[in-house]
Amino acid sequence: MNSFKDHYRKFNKNGARVRKRHESLGHTLAAQSQFVPDSHKTVAKNEKIQSLLRKTTGRIVLNNRDIKQVEHEFNLKYASTEPKKLGNTGITLRFDPTIGKAVLEK
């Protein structure tokens, strides 16, 4: 009985890699998986959020005006007892007990 390798060699005698249909068009799955539709992107109006989005990690202290702006922009209610995630930005709004203020963390 023929093994799987023997069966596969019949179709690929020269040893060349079999290309998938999307690769022949010049596309790769890695490039396609990084695409985020515009409907899922969040455009932050707050300058503190924008500066944090540009960084890989960071922490910014907020004042009351910033908290109200973030609540309005992301449709959430801030409570110091539980952290809130700001959409799909990777940023979390939470209360820091060491300084006694709200912070944005990424």
PDB file of N, CA and C in Angstrom:
ATOM      1  N   MET A   1       0.840  -1.179   0.000  1.00  0.00           N
ATOM      2  CA  MET A   1       0.000   0.000   0.000  1.00  0.00           C
ATOM      3  C   MET A   1       0.885   1.241   0.000  1.00  0.00           C
ATOM      4  N   ASN A   2       0.527   2.216  -0.790  1.00  0.00           N
ATOM      5  CA  ASN A   2       1.309   3.448  -0.903  1.00  0.00           C
ATOM      6  C   ASN A   2       1.061   4.357   0.287  1.00  0.00           C
ATOM      7  N   SER A   3       2.121   5.020   0.693  1.00  0.00           N
ATOM      8  CA  SER A   3       1.974   5.969   1.788  1.00  0.00           C
ATOM      9  C   SER A   3       1.463   7.302   1.249  1.00  0.00           C
ATOM     10  N   PHE A   4       1.153   8.190   2.143  1.00  0.00           N
ATOM     11  CA  PHE A   4       0.660   9.515   1.748  1.00  0.00           C
ATOM     12  C   PHE A   4       1.722  10.267   0.944  1.00  0.00           C
ATOM     13  N   LYS A   5       3.000  10.149   1.357  1.00  0.00           N
ATOM     14  CA  LYS A   5       4.082  10.842   0.631  1.00  0.00           C
ATOM     15  C   LYS A   5       4.190  10.342  -0.802  1.00  0.00           C
ATOM     16  N   ASP A   6       4.077   9.035  -0.998  1.00  0.00           N
ATOM     17  CA  ASP A   6       4.144   8.492  -2.355  1.00  0.00           C
ATOM     18  C   ASP A   6       2.984   9.004  -3.203  1.00  0.00           C
ATOM     19  N   HIS A   7       1.825   9.043  -2.618  1.00  0.00           N
ATOM     20  CA  HIS A   7       0.644   9.536  -3.335  1.00  0.00           C
ATOM     21  C   HIS A   7       0.817  11.015  -3.703  1.00  0.00           C
ATOM     22  N   TYR A   8       1.370  11.797  -2.813  1.00  0.00           N
ATOM     23  CA  TYR A   8       1.556  13.229  -3.051  1.00  0.00           C
ATOM     24  C   TYR A   8       2.611  13.485  -4.123  1.00  0.00           C
ATOM     25  N   ARG A   9       3.648  12.660  -4.175  1.00  0.00           N
ATOM     26  CA  ARG A   9       4.727  12.838  -5.163  1.00  0.00           C
ATOM     27  C   ARG A   9       4.224  12.682  -6.581  1.00  0.00           C
ATOM     28  N   LYS A  10       3.163  11.910  -6.799  1.00  0.00           N
ATOM     29  CA  LYS A  10       2.624  11.759  -8.151  1.00  0.00           C
ATOM     30  C   LYS A  10       2.172  13.107  -8.719  1.00  0.00           C
ATOM     31  N   PHE A  11       1.641  13.954  -7.866  1.00  0.00           N
ATOM     32  CA  PHE A  11       1.112  15.224  -8.330  1.00  0.00           C
ATOM     33  C   PHE A  11       2.156  16.333  -8.346  1.00  0.00           C
ATOM     34  N   ASN A  12       3.263  16.112  -7.655  1.00  0.00           N
ATOM     35  CA  ASN A  12       4.283  17.139  -7.549  1.00  0.00           C
ATOM     36  C   ASN A  12       5.648  16.500  -7.787  1.00  0.00           C
ATOM     37  N   LYS A  13       5.925  16.108  -9.038  1.00  0.00           N
ATOM     38  CA  LYS A  13       7.121  15.333  -9.354  1.00  0.00           C
ATOM     39  C   LYS A  13       8.405  16.144  -9.282  1.00  0.00           C
ATOM     40  N   ASN A  14       8.344  17.438  -9.577  1.00  0.00           N
ATOM     41  CA  ASN A  14       9.571  18.237  -9.585  1.00  0.00           C
ATOM     42  C   ASN A  14       9.952  18.761  -8.200  1.00  0.00           C
ATOM     43  N   GLY A  15       9.170  18.508  -7.186  1.00  0.00           N
ATOM     44  CA  GLY A  15       9.503  18.915  -5.821  1.00  0.00           C
ATOM     45  C   GLY A  15       9.178  20.365  -5.519  1.00  0.00           C
ATOM     46  N   ALA A  16       8.577  21.064  -6.465  1.00  0.00           N
ATOM     47  CA  ALA A  16       8.231  22.468  -6.232  1.00  0.00           C
ATOM     48  C   ALA A  16       7.076  22.543  -5.247  1.00  0.00           C
ATOM     49  N   ARG A  17       7.063  23.620  -4.497  1.00  0.00           N
ATOM     50  CA  ARG A  17       6.016  23.828  -3.516  1.00  0.00           C
ATOM     51  C   ARG A  17       4.695  24.110  -4.222  1.00  0.00           C
ATOM     52  N   VAL A  18       3.652  23.475  -3.782  1.00  0.00           N
ATOM     53  CA  VAL A  18       2.333  23.713  -4.349  1.00  0.00           C
ATOM     54  C   VAL A  18       1.830  25.032  -3.792  1.00  0.00           C
ATOM     55  N   ARG A  19       1.445  25.930  -4.683  1.00  0.00           N
ATOM     56  CA  ARG A  19       0.980  27.246  -4.242  1.00  0.00           C
ATOM     57  C   ARG A  19      -0.524  27.231  -4.084  1.00  0.00           C
ATOM     58  N   LYS A  20      -0.952  27.935  -3.106  1.00  0.00           N
ATOM     59  CA  LYS A  20      -2.386  28.077  -2.901  1.00  0.00           C
ATOM     60  C   LYS A  20      -2.918  29.163  -3.834  1.00  0.00           C
ATOM     61  N   ARG A  21      -4.190  29.156  -4.062  1.00  0.00           N
ATOM     62  CA  ARG A  21      -4.788  30.064  -5.036  1.00  0.00           C
ATOM     63  C   ARG A  21      -4.535  31.531  -4.700  1.00  0.00           C
ATOM     64  N   HIS A  22      -4.620  31.927  -3.417  1.00  0.00           N
ATOM     65  CA  HIS A  22      -4.448  33.333  -3.070  1.00  0.00           C
ATOM     66  C   HIS A  22      -2.986  33.774  -3.195  1.00  0.00           C
ATOM     67  N   GLU A  23      -2.033  32.855  -3.116  1.00  0.00           N
ATOM     68  CA  GLU A  23      -0.625  33.232  -3.243  1.00  0.00           C
ATOM     69  C   GLU A  23      -0.261  33.536  -4.686  1.00  0.00           C
ATOM     70  N   SER A  24      -0.936  32.915  -5.639  1.00  0.00           N
ATOM     71  CA  SER A  24      -0.626  33.186  -7.033  1.00  0.00           C
ATOM     72  C   SER A  24      -1.036  34.598  -7.427  1.00  0.00           C
ATOM     73  N   LEU A  25      -1.930  35.193  -6.665  1.00  0.00           N
ATOM     74  CA  LEU A  25      -2.352  36.562  -6.930  1.00  0.00           C
ATOM     75  C   LEU A  25      -1.471  37.588  -6.234  1.00  0.00           C
ATOM     76  N   GLY A  26      -0.505  37.130  -5.444  1.00  0.00           N
ATOM     77  CA  GLY A  26       0.389  38.041  -4.754  1.00  0.00           C
ATOM     78  C   GLY A  26      -0.057  38.383  -3.354  1.00  0.00           C
ATOM     79  N   HIS A  27      -1.115  37.742  -2.864  1.00  0.00           N
ATOM     80  CA  HIS A  27      -1.612  38.006  -1.521  1.00  0.00           C
ATOM     81  C   HIS A  27      -1.104  36.938  -0.565  1.00  0.00           C
ATOM     82  N   THR A  28      -0.922  37.304   0.661  1.00  0.00           N
ATOM     83  CA  THR A  28      -0.605  36.317   1.679  1.00  0.00           C
ATOM     84  C   THR A  28      -1.604  36.460   2.811  1.00  0.00           C
ATOM     85  N   LEU A  29      -1.780  35.417   3.565  1.00  0.00           N
ATOM     86  CA  LEU A  29      -2.731  35.459   4.679  1.00  0.00           C
ATOM     87  C   LEU A  29      -2.276  36.411   5.761  1.00  0.00           C
ATOM     88  N   ALA A  30      -0.961  36.546   5.955  1.00  0.00           N
ATOM     89  CA  ALA A  30      -0.461  37.445   6.995  1.00  0.00           C
ATOM     90  C   ALA A  30      -0.838  38.887   6.689  1.00  0.00           C
ATOM     91  N   ALA A  31      -0.749  39.290   5.441  1.00  0.00           N
ATOM     92  CA  ALA A  31      -1.091  40.660   5.075  1.00  0.00           C
ATOM     93  C   ALA A  31      -2.585  40.898   5.193  1.00  0.00           C
ATOM     94  N   GLN A  32      -3.385  39.905   4.861  1.00  0.00           N
ATOM     95  CA  GLN A  32      -4.826  40.060   4.928  1.00  0.00           C
ATOM     96  C   GLN A  32      -5.330  40.073   6.361  1.00  0.00           C
ATOM     97  N   SER A  33      -4.680  39.353   7.260  1.00  0.00           N
ATOM     98  CA  SER A  33      -5.175  39.274   8.624  1.00  0.00           C
ATOM     99  C   SER A  33      -4.934  40.552   9.408  1.00  0.00           C
ATOM    100  N   GLN A  34      -4.070  41.444   8.915  1.00  0.00           N
ATOM    101  CA  GLN A  34      -3.796  42.684   9.618  1.00  0.00           C
ATOM    102  C   GLN A  34      -4.760  43.802   9.224  1.00  0.00           C
ATOM    103  N   PHE A  35      -5.631  43.560   8.299  1.00  0.00           N
ATOM    104  CA  PHE A  35      -6.577  44.556   7.844  1.00  0.00           C
ATOM    105  C   PHE A  35      -7.708  44.708   8.851  1.00  0.00           C
ATOM    106  N   VAL A  36      -7.962  45.934   9.276  1.00  0.00           N
ATOM    107  CA  VAL A  36      -9.061  46.217  10.195  1.00  0.00           C
ATOM    108  C   VAL A  36     -10.047  47.125   9.471  1.00  0.00           C
ATOM    109  N   PRO A  37     -11.308  46.726   9.367  1.00  0.00           N
ATOM    110  CA  PRO A  37     -12.287  47.559   8.676  1.00  0.00           C
ATOM    111  C   PRO A  37     -12.477  48.902   9.376  1.00  0.00           C
ATOM    112  N   ASP A  38     -12.821  49.915   8.614  1.00  0.00           N
ATOM    113  CA  ASP A  38     -13.013  51.253   9.158  1.00  0.00           C
ATOM    114  C   ASP A  38     -14.114  51.294  10.211  1.00  0.00           C
ATOM    115  N   SER A  39     -15.097  50.426  10.082  1.00  0.00           N
ATOM    116  CA  SER A  39     -16.181  50.422  11.061  1.00  0.00           C
ATOM    117  C   SER A  39     -15.713  49.981  12.443  1.00  0.00           C
ATOM    118  N   HIS A  40     -14.592  49.267  12.513  1.00  0.00           N
ATOM    119  CA  HIS A  40     -14.065  48.797  13.796  1.00  0.00           C
ATOM    120  C   HIS A  40     -12.972  49.694  14.357  1.00  0.00           C
ATOM    121  N   LYS A  41     -12.508  50.650  13.571  1.00  0.00           N
ATOM    122  CA  LYS A  41     -11.476  51.555  14.054  1.00  0.00           C
ATOM    123  C   LYS A  41     -12.113  52.640  14.911  1.00  0.00           C
ATOM    124  N   THR A  42     -11.402  53.023  15.953  1.00  0.00           N
ATOM    125  CA  THR A  42     -11.896  54.097  16.799  1.00  0.00           C
ATOM    126  C   THR A  42     -10.974  55.301  16.630  1.00  0.00           C
ATOM    127  N   VAL A  43     -11.568  56.432  16.344  1.00  0.00           N
ATOM    128  CA  VAL A  43     -10.812  57.665  16.198  1.00  0.00           C
ATOM    129  C   VAL A  43     -11.033  58.471  17.465  1.00  0.00           C
ATOM    130  N   ALA A  44     -10.002  58.597  18.250  1.00  0.00           N
ATOM    131  CA  ALA A  44     -10.107  59.288  19.526  1.00  0.00           C
ATOM    132  C   ALA A  44      -9.978  60.789  19.327  1.00  0.00           C
ATOM    133  N   LYS A  45     -10.860  61.540  19.974  1.00  0.00           N
ATOM    134  CA  LYS A  45     -10.802  62.991  19.893  1.00  0.00           C
ATOM    135  C   LYS A  45      -9.940  63.568  21.012  1.00  0.00           C
ATOM    136  N   ASN A  46      -9.813  62.832  22.087  1.00  0.00           N
ATOM    137  CA  ASN A  46      -9.033  63.293  23.232  1.00  0.00           C
ATOM    138  C   ASN A  46      -7.539  63.159  22.917  1.00  0.00           C
ATOM    139  N   GLU A  47      -6.773  64.227  23.152  1.00  0.00           N
ATOM    140  CA  GLU A  47      -5.342  64.214  22.838  1.00  0.00           C
ATOM    141  C   GLU A  47      -4.576  63.212  23.691  1.00  0.00           C
ATOM    142  N   LYS A  48      -5.019  63.008  24.919  1.00  0.00           N
ATOM    143  CA  LYS A  48      -4.334  62.053  25.792  1.00  0.00           C
ATOM    144  C   LYS A  48      -4.499  60.625  25.279  1.00  0.00           C
ATOM    145  N   ILE A  49      -5.674  60.316  24.762  1.00  0.00           N
ATOM    146  CA  ILE A  49      -5.902  58.989  24.199  1.00  0.00           C
ATOM    147  C   ILE A  49      -5.086  58.813  22.928  1.00  0.00           C
ATOM    148  N   GLN A  50      -5.052  59.844  22.086  1.00  0.00           N
ATOM    149  CA  GLN A  50      -4.273  59.766  20.854  1.00  0.00           C
ATOM    150  C   GLN A  50      -2.793  59.547  21.137  1.00  0.00           C
ATOM    151  N   SER A  51      -2.258  60.240  22.134  1.00  0.00           N
ATOM    152  CA  SER A  51      -0.842  60.063  22.446  1.00  0.00           C
ATOM    153  C   SER A  51      -0.572  58.667  23.003  1.00  0.00           C
ATOM    154  N   LEU A  52      -1.521  58.112  23.751  1.00  0.00           N
ATOM    155  CA  LEU A  52      -1.360  56.768  24.290  1.00  0.00           C
ATOM    156  C   LEU A  52      -1.499  55.708  23.201  1.00  0.00           C
ATOM    157  N   LEU A  53      -2.320  55.963  22.192  1.00  0.00           N
ATOM    158  CA  LEU A  53      -2.466  55.023  21.078  1.00  0.00           C
ATOM    159  C   LEU A  53      -1.164  54.894  20.290  1.00  0.00           C
ATOM    160  N   ARG A  54      -0.394  55.964  20.187  1.00  0.00           N
ATOM    161  CA  ARG A  54       0.871  55.928  19.454  1.00  0.00           C
ATOM    162  C   ARG A  54       1.952  55.140  20.187  1.00  0.00           C
ATOM    163  N   LYS A  55       1.835  55.026  21.508  1.00  0.00           N
ATOM    164  CA  LYS A  55       2.833  54.317  22.314  1.00  0.00           C
ATOM    165  C   LYS A  55       2.486  52.834  22.409  1.00  0.00           C
ATOM    166  N   THR A  56       3.502  52.014  22.703  1.00  0.00           N
ATOM    167  CA  THR A  56       3.236  50.592  22.895  1.00  0.00           C
ATOM    168  C   THR A  56       2.712  50.321  24.300  1.00  0.00           C
ATOM    169  N   THR A  57       3.269  50.986  25.299  1.00  0.00           N
ATOM    170  CA  THR A  57       2.761  50.901  26.664  1.00  0.00           C
ATOM    171  C   THR A  57       2.823  52.291  27.274  1.00  0.00           C
ATOM    172  N   GLY A  58       2.014  52.518  28.281  1.00  0.00           N
ATOM    173  CA  GLY A  58       2.046  53.821  28.928  1.00  0.00           C
ATOM    174  C   GLY A  58       0.924  53.992  29.921  1.00  0.00           C
ATOM    175  N   ARG A  59       0.990  55.124  30.611  1.00  0.00           N
ATOM    176  CA  ARG A  59       0.007  55.438  31.645  1.00  0.00           C
ATOM    177  C   ARG A  59      -0.148  56.950  31.706  1.00  0.00           C
ATOM    178  N   ILE A  60      -1.392  57.427  31.686  1.00  0.00           N
ATOM    179  CA  ILE A  60      -1.672  58.864  31.706  1.00  0.00           C
ATOM    180  C   ILE A  60      -2.719  59.138  32.776  1.00  0.00           C
ATOM    181  N   VAL A  61      -2.462  60.142  33.607  1.00  0.00           N
ATOM    182  CA  VAL A  61      -3.401  60.555  34.652  1.00  0.00           C
ATOM    183  C   VAL A  61      -4.441  61.480  34.037  1.00  0.00           C
ATOM    184  N   LEU A  62      -5.706  61.287  34.412  1.00  0.00           N
ATOM    185  CA  LEU A  62      -6.801  62.081  33.858  1.00  0.00           C
ATOM    186  C   LEU A  62      -7.387  63.020  34.902  1.00  0.00           C
ATOM    187  N   ASN A  63      -7.911  64.146  34.406  1.00  0.00           N
ATOM    188  CA  ASN A  63      -8.676  65.032  35.282  1.00  0.00           C
ATOM    189  C   ASN A  63     -10.166  64.800  35.017  1.00  0.00           C
ATOM    190  N   ASN A  64     -11.027  65.504  35.733  1.00  0.00           N
ATOM    191  CA  ASN A  64     -12.478  65.284  35.607  1.00  0.00           C
ATOM    192  C   ASN A  64     -12.996  65.582  34.211  1.00  0.00           C
ATOM    193  N   ARG A  65     -12.457  66.613  33.565  1.00  0.00           N
ATOM    194  CA  ARG A  65     -12.897  66.967  32.213  1.00  0.00           C
ATOM    195  C   ARG A  65     -12.552  65.842  31.225  1.00  0.00           C
ATOM    196  N   ASP A  66     -11.358  65.272  31.366  1.00  0.00           N
ATOM    197  CA  ASP A  66     -10.958  64.173  30.489  1.00  0.00           C
ATOM    198  C   ASP A  66     -11.838  62.944  30.699  1.00  0.00           C
ATOM    199  N   ILE A  67     -12.180  62.661  31.941  1.00  0.00           N
ATOM    200  CA  ILE A  67     -13.038  61.507  32.246  1.00  0.00           C
ATOM    201  C   ILE A  67     -14.400  61.673  31.582  1.00  0.00           C
ATOM    202  N   LYS A  68     -14.983  62.865  31.672  1.00  0.00           N
ATOM    203  CA  LYS A  68     -16.288  63.111  31.042  1.00  0.00           C
ATOM    204  C   LYS A  68     -16.202  62.978  29.524  1.00  0.00           C
ATOM    205  N   GLN A  69     -15.105  63.462  28.945  1.00  0.00           N
ATOM    206  CA  GLN A  69     -14.932  63.368  27.498  1.00  0.00           C
ATOM    207  C   GLN A  69     -14.791  61.902  27.058  1.00  0.00           C
ATOM    208  N   VAL A  70     -14.051  61.108  27.809  1.00  0.00           N
ATOM    209  CA  VAL A  70     -13.885  59.686  27.494  1.00  0.00           C
ATOM    210  C   VAL A  70     -15.208  58.944  27.651  1.00  0.00           C
ATOM    211  N   GLU A  71     -15.969  59.260  28.696  1.00  0.00           N
ATOM    212  CA  GLU A  71     -17.280  58.640  28.887  1.00  0.00           C
ATOM    213  C   GLU A  71     -18.210  58.932  27.717  1.00  0.00           C
ATOM    214  N   HIS A  72     -18.210  60.175  27.266  1.00  0.00           N
ATOM    215  CA  HIS A  72     -19.074  60.562  26.151  1.00  0.00           C
ATOM    216  C   HIS A  72     -18.618  59.905  24.845  1.00  0.00           C
ATOM    217  N   GLU A  73     -17.321  59.883  24.625  1.00  0.00           N
ATOM    218  CA  GLU A  73     -16.779  59.367  23.367  1.00  0.00           C
ATOM    219  C   GLU A  73     -16.952  57.854  23.231  1.00  0.00           C
ATOM    220  N   PHE A  74     -16.794  57.104  24.314  1.00  0.00           N
ATOM    221  CA  PHE A  74     -16.855  55.653  24.254  1.00  0.00           C
ATOM    222  C   PHE A  74     -18.144  55.075  24.853  1.00  0.00           C
ATOM    223  N   ASN A  75     -19.115  55.909  25.178  1.00  0.00           N
ATOM    224  CA  ASN A  75     -20.421  55.484  25.708  1.00  0.00           C
ATOM    225  C   ASN A  75     -20.278  54.524  26.891  1.00  0.00           C
ATOM    226  N   LEU A  76     -19.614  54.990  27.926  1.00  0.00           N
ATOM    227  CA  LEU A  76     -19.458  54.180  29.128  1.00  0.00           C
ATOM    228  C   LEU A  76     -19.594  55.044  30.357  1.00  0.00           C
ATOM    229  N   LYS A  77     -19.861  54.410  31.477  1.00  0.00           N
ATOM    230  CA  LYS A  77     -19.947  55.098  32.768  1.00  0.00           C
ATOM    231  C   LYS A  77     -18.743  54.688  33.599  1.00  0.00           C
ATOM    232  N   TYR A  78     -17.962  55.671  34.024  1.00  0.00           N
ATOM    233  CA  TYR A  78     -16.770  55.396  34.818  1.00  0.00           C
ATOM    234  C   TYR A  78     -17.154  55.166  36.271  1.00  0.00           C
ATOM    235  N   ALA A  79     -16.673  54.070  36.823  1.00  0.00           N
ATOM    236  CA  ALA A  79     -16.829  53.776  38.248  1.00  0.00           C
ATOM    237  C   ALA A  79     -15.452  53.391  38.772  1.00  0.00           C
ATOM    238  N   SER A  80     -15.089  53.940  39.915  1.00  0.00           N
ATOM    239  CA  SER A  80     -13.739  53.688  40.439  1.00  0.00           C
ATOM    240  C   SER A  80     -13.563  52.246  40.903  1.00  0.00           C
ATOM    241  N   THR A  81     -14.642  51.490  40.986  1.00  0.00           N
ATOM    242  CA  THR A  81     -14.535  50.122  41.488  1.00  0.00           C
ATOM    243  C   THR A  81     -14.120  49.120  40.422  1.00  0.00           C
ATOM    244  N   GLU A  82     -14.451  49.373  39.158  1.00  0.00           N
ATOM    245  CA  GLU A  82     -14.088  48.408  38.123  1.00  0.00           C
ATOM    246  C   GLU A  82     -13.489  49.101  36.902  1.00  0.00           C
ATOM    247  N   PRO A  83     -12.438  48.514  36.314  1.00  0.00           N
ATOM    248  CA  PRO A  83     -11.815  49.102  35.120  1.00  0.00           C
ATOM    249  C   PRO A  83     -12.703  48.927  33.892  1.00  0.00           C
ATOM    250  N   LYS A  84     -12.583  49.864  32.969  1.00  0.00           N
ATOM    251  CA  LYS A  84     -13.359  49.818  31.725  1.00  0.00           C
ATOM    252  C   LYS A  84     -12.403  49.817  30.539  1.00  0.00           C
ATOM    253  N   LYS A  85     -12.687  48.975  29.543  1.00  0.00           N
ATOM    254  CA  LYS A  85     -11.894  48.938  28.323  1.00  0.00           C
ATOM    255  C   LYS A  85     -12.491  49.911  27.317  1.00  0.00           C
ATOM    256  N   LEU A  86     -11.642  50.643  26.624  1.00  0.00           N
ATOM    257  CA  LEU A  86     -12.099  51.628  25.645  1.00  0.00           C
ATOM    258  C   LEU A  86     -12.136  50.995  24.261  1.00  0.00           C
ATOM    259  N   GLY A  87     -13.240  50.356  23.946  1.00  0.00           N
ATOM    260  CA  GLY A  87     -13.421  49.741  22.632  1.00  0.00           C
ATOM    261  C   GLY A  87     -12.364  48.700  22.350  1.00  0.00           C
ATOM    262  N   ASN A  88     -11.820  48.715  21.132  1.00  0.00           N
ATOM    263  CA  ASN A  88     -10.774  47.776  20.751  1.00  0.00           C
ATOM    264  C   ASN A  88      -9.412  48.465  20.661  1.00  0.00           C
ATOM    265  N   THR A  89      -9.234  49.539  21.431  1.00  0.00           N
ATOM    266  CA  THR A  89      -7.981  50.297  21.386  1.00  0.00           C
ATOM    267  C   THR A  89      -6.883  49.669  22.218  1.00  0.00           C
ATOM    268  N   GLY A  90      -7.235  48.794  23.149  1.00  0.00           N
ATOM    269  CA  GLY A  90      -6.241  48.209  24.039  1.00  0.00           C
ATOM    270  C   GLY A  90      -5.949  49.086  25.243  1.00  0.00           C
ATOM    271  N   ILE A  91      -6.746  50.129  25.431  1.00  0.00           N
ATOM    272  CA  ILE A  91      -6.559  51.069  26.538  1.00  0.00           C
ATOM    273  C   ILE A  91      -7.622  50.789  27.606  1.00  0.00           C
ATOM    274  N   THR A  92      -7.202  50.867  28.867  1.00  0.00           N
ATOM    275  CA  THR A  92      -8.109  50.634  29.981  1.00  0.00           C
ATOM    276  C   THR A  92      -8.202  51.878  30.847  1.00  0.00           C
ATOM    277  N   LEU A  93      -9.411  52.264  31.207  1.00  0.00           N
ATOM    278  CA  LEU A  93      -9.663  53.366  32.125  1.00  0.00           C
ATOM    279  C   LEU A  93      -9.903  52.767  33.498  1.00  0.00           C
ATOM    280  N   ARG A  94      -9.072  53.130  34.480  1.00  0.00           N
ATOM    281  CA  ARG A  94      -9.222  52.565  35.814  1.00  0.00           C
ATOM    282  C   ARG A  94      -8.814  53.579  36.871  1.00  0.00           C
ATOM    283  N   PHE A  95      -9.177  53.309  38.107  1.00  0.00           N
ATOM    284  CA  PHE A  95      -8.816  54.146  39.239  1.00  0.00           C
ATOM    285  C   PHE A  95      -7.525  53.623  39.856  1.00  0.00           C
ATOM    286  N   ASP A  96      -6.557  54.523  40.076  1.00  0.00           N
ATOM    287  CA  ASP A  96      -5.295  54.150  40.709  1.00  0.00           C
ATOM    288  C   ASP A  96      -5.328  54.594  42.167  1.00  0.00           C
ATOM    289  N   PRO A  97      -5.390  53.662  43.121  1.00  0.00           N
ATOM    290  CA  PRO A  97      -5.498  54.047  44.534  1.00  0.00           C
ATOM    291  C   PRO A  97      -4.240  54.693  45.105  1.00  0.00           C
ATOM    292  N   THR A  98      -3.075  54.466  44.473  1.00  0.00           N
ATOM    293  CA  THR A  98      -1.847  55.056  45.011  1.00  0.00           C
ATOM    294  C   THR A  98      -1.816  56.567  44.832  1.00  0.00           C
ATOM    295  N   ILE A  99      -2.359  57.066  43.708  1.00  0.00           N
ATOM    296  CA  ILE A  99      -2.388  58.519  43.490  1.00  0.00           C
ATOM    297  C   ILE A  99      -3.785  59.089  43.694  1.00  0.00           C
ATOM    298  N   GLY A 100      -4.786  58.225  43.779  1.00  0.00           N
ATOM    299  CA  GLY A 100      -6.151  58.673  44.037  1.00  0.00           C
ATOM    300  C   GLY A 100      -6.820  59.330  42.849  1.00  0.00           C
ATOM    301  N   LYS A 101      -6.415  58.973  41.619  1.00  0.00           N
ATOM    302  CA  LYS A 101      -7.003  59.563  40.416  1.00  0.00           C
ATOM    303  C   LYS A 101      -7.233  58.479  39.365  1.00  0.00           C
ATOM    304  N   ALA A 102      -8.010  58.846  38.339  1.00  0.00           N
ATOM    305  CA  ALA A 102      -8.262  57.942  37.231  1.00  0.00           C
ATOM    306  C   ALA A 102      -7.075  57.990  36.268  1.00  0.00           C
ATOM    307  N   VAL A 103      -6.743  56.832  35.707  1.00  0.00           N
ATOM    308  CA  VAL A 103      -5.626  56.750  34.751  1.00  0.00           C
ATOM    309  C   VAL A 103      -6.062  55.943  33.542  1.00  0.00           C
ATOM    310  N   LEU A 104      -5.406  56.242  32.420  1.00  0.00           N
ATOM    311  CA  LEU A 104      -5.524  55.439  31.217  1.00  0.00           C
ATOM    312  C   LEU A 104      -4.261  54.602  31.109  1.00  0.00           C
ATOM    313  N   GLU A 105      -4.402  53.301  30.913  1.00  0.00           N
ATOM    314  CA  GLU A 105      -3.254  52.421  30.786  1.00  0.00           C
ATOM    315  C   GLU A 105      -3.328  51.608  29.507  1.00  0.00           C
ATOM    316  N   LYS A 106      -2.176  51.401  28.930  1.00  0.00           N
ATOM    317  CA  LYS A 106      -2.084  50.546  27.761  1.00  0.00           C
ATOM    318  C   LYS A 106      -0.979  49.556  27.984  1.00  0.00           C
TER     319      LYS A 106
END
